[in-house]
Protein backbone atom coordinates (compact mmCIF):
# COMPACT_ATOMS: atom_id res chain seq x y z
CA UNK A 1 -59.40 -69.32 46.32
CA UNK A 2 -59.98 -69.10 50.04
CA UNK A 3 -63.33 -69.20 51.70
CA UNK A 4 -64.05 -67.74 55.07
CA UNK A 5 -64.59 -70.94 57.02
CA UNK A 6 -61.56 -73.23 57.32
CA UNK A 7 -63.70 -76.35 57.90
CA UNK A 8 -65.57 -76.09 54.62
CA UNK A 9 -65.31 -79.40 52.67
CA UNK A 10 -65.11 -77.57 49.35
CA UNK A 11 -62.13 -75.58 50.60
CA UNK A 12 -60.41 -78.71 51.87
CA UNK A 13 -60.94 -80.47 48.53
CA UNK A 14 -59.60 -77.46 46.64
CA UNK A 15 -56.50 -77.25 48.87
CA UNK A 16 -55.79 -80.98 48.44
CA UNK A 17 -56.42 -81.12 44.69
CA UNK A 18 -54.98 -77.82 43.56
CA UNK A 19 -52.67 -76.70 46.34
CA UNK A 20 -49.48 -78.29 44.95
CA UNK A 21 -50.16 -77.10 41.40
CA UNK A 22 -50.81 -73.55 42.58
CA UNK A 23 -47.65 -73.57 44.70
CA UNK A 24 -45.58 -74.78 41.68
CA UNK A 25 -47.19 -72.18 39.45
CA UNK A 26 -46.44 -69.40 41.94
CA UNK A 27 -42.84 -70.56 42.32
CA UNK A 28 -42.21 -70.69 38.56
CA UNK A 29 -43.89 -67.38 37.78
CA UNK A 30 -42.60 -65.21 40.57
CA UNK A 31 -41.53 -61.81 39.24
CA UNK A 32 -37.90 -60.82 39.38
CA UNK A 33 -37.33 -57.66 41.37
CA UNK A 34 -34.67 -55.37 39.88
CA UNK A 35 -31.85 -54.08 42.00
CA UNK A 36 -32.07 -50.71 43.71
CA UNK A 37 -29.33 -49.32 41.45
CA UNK A 38 -31.55 -49.82 38.40
CA UNK A 39 -34.30 -47.73 39.96
CA UNK A 40 -31.86 -45.02 40.97
CA UNK A 41 -30.43 -44.85 37.44
CA UNK A 42 -33.95 -44.60 36.05
CA UNK A 43 -34.81 -41.74 38.40
CA UNK A 44 -31.57 -39.89 37.61
CA UNK A 45 -32.15 -40.29 33.87
CA UNK A 46 -35.70 -38.93 34.22
CA UNK A 47 -34.48 -35.98 36.27
CA UNK A 48 -31.79 -35.17 33.69
CA UNK A 49 -34.33 -35.41 30.87
CA UNK A 50 -36.82 -33.18 32.70
CA UNK A 51 -34.10 -30.62 33.50
CA UNK A 52 -32.99 -30.50 29.85
CA UNK A 53 -36.59 -30.10 28.69
CA UNK A 54 -37.24 -27.29 31.18
CA UNK A 55 -34.11 -25.39 30.13
CA UNK A 56 -35.06 -25.80 26.46
CA UNK A 57 -38.57 -24.52 27.14
CA UNK A 58 -37.24 -21.60 29.16
CA UNK A 59 -34.84 -20.66 26.36
CA UNK A 60 -37.63 -20.79 23.78
CA UNK A 61 -39.83 -18.70 26.07
CA UNK A 62 -37.19 -15.99 26.47
CA UNK A 63 -36.40 -15.90 22.74
CA UNK A 64 -40.09 -15.58 21.93
CA UNK A 65 -40.55 -12.90 24.59
CA UNK A 66 -37.61 -10.90 23.21
CA UNK A 67 -39.04 -11.12 19.70
CA UNK A 68 -42.54 -10.11 20.81
CA UNK A 69 -41.35 -7.21 22.98
CA UNK A 70 -38.98 -6.01 20.27
CA UNK A 71 -41.79 -6.12 17.71
CA UNK A 72 -44.14 -4.32 20.06
CA UNK A 73 -41.60 -1.59 20.75
CA UNK A 74 -41.03 -1.12 17.01
CA UNK A 75 -44.77 -1.07 16.23
CA UNK A 76 -45.57 1.18 19.20
CA UNK A 77 -43.36 3.90 17.76
CA UNK A 78 -45.22 3.72 14.47
CA UNK A 79 -48.95 3.29 15.17
CA UNK A 80 -51.20 2.40 18.13
CA UNK A 81 -53.62 0.39 15.98
CA UNK A 82 -50.86 -1.96 14.79
CA UNK A 83 -49.70 -2.27 18.38
CA UNK A 84 -53.19 -3.42 19.46
CA UNK A 85 -53.34 -5.82 16.49
CA UNK A 86 -49.96 -7.29 17.46
CA UNK A 87 -51.16 -7.74 21.05
CA UNK A 88 -54.29 -9.57 19.87
CA UNK A 89 -52.24 -11.76 17.51
CA UNK A 90 -49.78 -12.64 20.30
CA UNK A 91 -52.62 -13.51 22.68
CA UNK A 92 -54.36 -15.65 20.04
CA UNK A 93 -51.10 -17.42 19.23
CA UNK A 94 -50.46 -18.15 22.91
CA UNK A 95 -53.99 -19.43 23.41
CA UNK A 96 -53.66 -21.62 20.31
CA UNK A 97 -50.33 -23.00 21.54
CA UNK A 98 -51.79 -23.87 24.95
CA UNK A 99 -54.87 -25.44 23.37
CA UNK A 100 -52.78 -27.60 21.03
CA UNK A 101 -50.35 -28.79 23.71
CA UNK A 102 -52.68 -29.28 26.65
CA UNK A 103 -56.16 -29.55 25.17
CA UNK A 104 -56.18 -33.12 23.88
CA UNK A 105 -54.29 -34.62 26.78
CA UNK A 106 -56.41 -37.33 28.40
CA UNK A 107 -55.57 -38.24 31.94
CA UNK A 108 -55.84 -41.90 32.86
CA UNK A 109 -55.93 -43.50 36.24
CA UNK A 110 -53.06 -45.64 37.41
CA UNK A 111 -53.77 -49.29 36.69
CA UNK A 112 -52.02 -51.83 38.83
């Protein structure tokens, strides 16, 4: 607790009475700072995890796209009404997927 004026008697009393205890408390509770290697390993692990997740999502996207386009090509040869129905179903499914994955996500501010 520091006040603005250095000649304040309350500040002098506080420094004399509590200064040593506060210094001991600060010395015994100082946080340990990890080594730089630990941070680098953490970053590399996160990058690897993100890369794996992106490749998995890309693979699922391409498999789904192949299935949808194959189904559309098959339906298009048969009937235009079923083709339109398949398009609407695919759009509704995509919108539902986006709503489920990104709709409930609440963003919080960084707290330090």
